[in-house]
Amino acid sequence: MADRQVRKPKATGSRRIAQHVDPASTQHESPVFCFRFLCSGFGSRDCEAGASQQFVDRLSKLCALTWQSIHDTDHRNGMGMESIPKHQIGGLTTPRVTDDVRKLQVFRFGTAKGRIIGLRLNRVFEVYMIDAEGRAYSHE
């Protein structure tokens, strides 16, 4: 097998390695869900079988939408997204949520207390907690 050489990117005259992408530019794209940083005790295996199926159904429906349509939808009907202050969420153990993060985003699914808790980073929604039982924060 021949060794392959990696192509170097063309120089642009800038010393910046990465550019921040404005979330507004991904508004017309569908969400991508990342499960790499799930907190212990809040994964899909910690849900009952029925709740796991409802979770998958919700993700399937959300992936068919754009970020703009998700933001335009009321979170109480189940398809929209709401924000919760980070300090109200218990059991959040991922190092991905740093001190500068004030709020996390939440999708509802399945039962009255079913929640998908994470953080949107441009097009990607990093899922930190799948909470089918309402243990992560008070729903009052």
Protein backbone atom coordinates (compact mmCIF):
# COMPACT_ATOMS: atom_id res chain seq x y z
CA MET A 1 0.00 0.00 0.00
CA ALA A 2 1.45 3.32 -1.03
CA ASP A 3 1.81 6.10 1.50
CA ARG A 4 -0.63 8.90 0.90
CA GLN A 5 0.28 12.49 1.37
CA VAL A 6 -2.10 14.84 3.09
CA ARG A 7 -2.94 17.93 1.08
CA LYS A 8 -2.18 21.14 2.84
CA PRO A 9 -4.85 23.85 2.68
CA LYS A 10 -4.08 26.85 0.54
CA ALA A 11 -2.71 29.81 2.43
CA THR A 12 -5.23 32.61 2.85
CA GLY A 13 -2.88 35.14 4.37
CA SER A 14 -4.64 34.80 7.73
CA ARG A 15 -3.06 33.26 10.79
CA ARG A 16 -6.44 32.11 12.08
CA ILE A 17 -6.82 28.36 12.10
CA ALA A 18 -10.55 28.07 12.67
CA GLN A 19 -13.36 30.49 12.19
CA HIS A 20 -16.44 30.64 14.36
CA VAL A 21 -19.58 29.90 12.37
CA ASP A 22 -22.53 32.14 13.15
CA PRO A 23 -25.49 29.98 14.33
CA ALA A 24 -27.78 32.09 12.13
CA SER A 25 -26.04 30.61 9.10
CA THR A 26 -27.22 27.11 10.09
CA GLN A 27 -30.84 28.10 10.70
CA HIS A 28 -32.00 26.55 7.43
CA GLU A 29 -30.22 23.25 8.05
CA SER A 30 -31.54 20.27 9.95
CA PRO A 31 -30.05 19.46 13.36
CA VAL A 32 -27.36 16.86 13.90
CA PHE A 33 -27.37 15.14 17.30
CA CYS A 34 -24.16 14.16 19.10
CA PHE A 35 -24.23 11.66 22.00
CA ARG A 36 -20.53 11.57 22.77
CA PHE A 37 -20.82 13.54 26.03
CA LEU A 38 -23.80 11.88 27.78
CA CYS A 39 -23.79 12.17 31.56
CA SER A 40 -23.71 8.95 33.55
CA GLY A 41 -27.21 7.80 34.53
CA PHE A 42 -28.88 9.82 31.77
CA GLY A 43 -28.35 7.72 28.64
CA SER A 44 -30.82 5.84 26.49
CA ARG A 45 -30.04 2.64 28.42
CA ASP A 46 -31.27 4.36 31.58
CA CYS A 47 -34.76 4.77 30.07
CA GLU A 48 -37.50 2.17 29.98
CA ALA A 49 -38.11 0.54 26.59
CA GLY A 50 -41.21 2.65 25.88
CA ALA A 51 -39.42 5.88 26.71
CA SER A 52 -36.46 4.90 24.53
CA GLN A 53 -38.78 4.40 21.57
CA GLN A 54 -40.45 7.77 22.21
CA PHE A 55 -37.01 9.37 22.37
CA VAL A 56 -36.02 7.89 19.00
CA ASP A 57 -39.36 8.97 17.50
CA ARG A 58 -38.78 12.55 18.68
CA LEU A 59 -35.25 12.64 17.23
CA SER A 60 -36.57 11.34 13.93
CA LYS A 61 -39.16 14.13 13.78
CA LEU A 62 -36.65 16.82 14.81
CA CYS A 63 -34.16 15.71 12.15
CA ALA A 64 -36.84 16.31 9.51
CA LEU A 65 -37.10 19.98 10.55
CA THR A 66 -34.75 22.92 10.18
CA TRP A 67 -33.35 24.86 13.13
CA GLN A 68 -35.51 27.81 12.04
CA SER A 69 -38.73 25.78 12.18
CA ILE A 70 -37.75 24.36 15.58
CA HIS A 71 -37.19 27.89 16.94
CA ASP A 72 -40.48 29.09 15.45
CA THR A 73 -42.43 26.31 17.20
CA ASP A 74 -43.75 26.60 20.74
CA HIS A 75 -41.84 24.19 23.00
CA ARG A 76 -45.03 23.21 24.85
CA ASN A 77 -46.37 21.36 21.83
CA GLY A 78 -43.34 19.09 21.93
CA MET A 79 -41.43 20.07 18.79
CA GLY A 80 -39.89 23.35 19.92
CA MET A 81 -36.93 24.01 22.18
CA GLU A 82 -36.72 25.87 25.48
CA SER A 83 -33.81 27.13 27.58
CA ILE A 84 -33.18 26.24 31.23
CA PRO A 85 -30.59 27.95 33.46
CA LYS A 86 -27.64 25.61 33.99
CA HIS A 87 -27.76 25.93 37.76
CA GLN A 88 -31.27 24.37 37.83
CA ILE A 89 -30.09 21.12 36.27
CA GLY A 90 -28.85 18.42 38.64
CA GLY A 91 -26.56 15.57 37.64
CA LEU A 92 -24.81 17.53 34.89
CA THR A 93 -21.34 15.97 34.96
CA THR A 94 -19.94 16.61 31.50
CA PRO A 95 -16.81 18.78 31.27
CA ARG A 96 -18.19 20.17 27.98
CA VAL A 97 -20.38 22.64 29.88
CA THR A 98 -17.95 25.29 31.06
CA ASP A 99 -18.50 28.14 33.52
CA ASP A 100 -19.32 30.61 30.75
CA VAL A 101 -22.42 28.59 29.73
CA ARG A 102 -25.46 30.04 31.49
CA LYS A 103 -28.32 28.09 29.88
CA LEU A 104 -28.86 24.73 28.24
CA GLN A 105 -31.46 23.88 25.65
CA VAL A 106 -34.19 21.33 26.20
CA PHE A 107 -36.44 19.33 23.88
CA ARG A 108 -39.48 17.49 25.20
CA PHE A 109 -40.30 13.90 24.31
CA GLY A 110 -42.68 11.10 25.29
CA THR A 111 -44.03 11.48 28.79
CA ALA A 112 -44.95 14.77 30.41
CA LYS A 113 -41.49 14.89 32.02
CA GLY A 114 -39.37 13.47 29.18
CA ARG A 115 -36.53 15.83 28.26
CA ILE A 116 -33.48 15.87 26.00
CA ILE A 117 -31.00 18.29 27.57
CA GLY A 118 -27.97 19.65 25.77
CA LEU A 119 -26.36 22.54 24.00
CA ARG A 120 -26.62 23.72 20.42
CA LEU A 121 -23.28 24.46 18.80
CA ASN A 122 -24.08 25.74 15.31
CA ARG A 123 -25.79 22.85 13.50
CA VAL A 124 -24.90 20.21 16.12
CA PHE A 125 -26.94 19.62 19.27
CA GLU A 126 -24.75 17.93 21.87
CA VAL A 127 -26.99 15.74 24.03
CA TYR A 128 -25.83 15.60 27.65
CA MET A 129 -28.90 14.08 29.29
CA ILE A 130 -31.83 11.93 28.19
CA ASP A 131 -34.24 12.33 31.09
CA ALA A 132 -37.46 10.32 30.68
CA GLU A 133 -38.48 10.59 34.35
CA GLY A 134 -37.97 14.27 35.15
CA ARG A 135 -35.02 13.75 37.49
CA ALA A 136 -32.72 16.42 36.03
CA TYR A 137 -34.69 19.50 37.12
CA SER A 138 -37.94 20.53 38.78
CA HIS A 139 -40.92 20.70 36.40
CA GLU A 140 -43.07 22.86 38.67
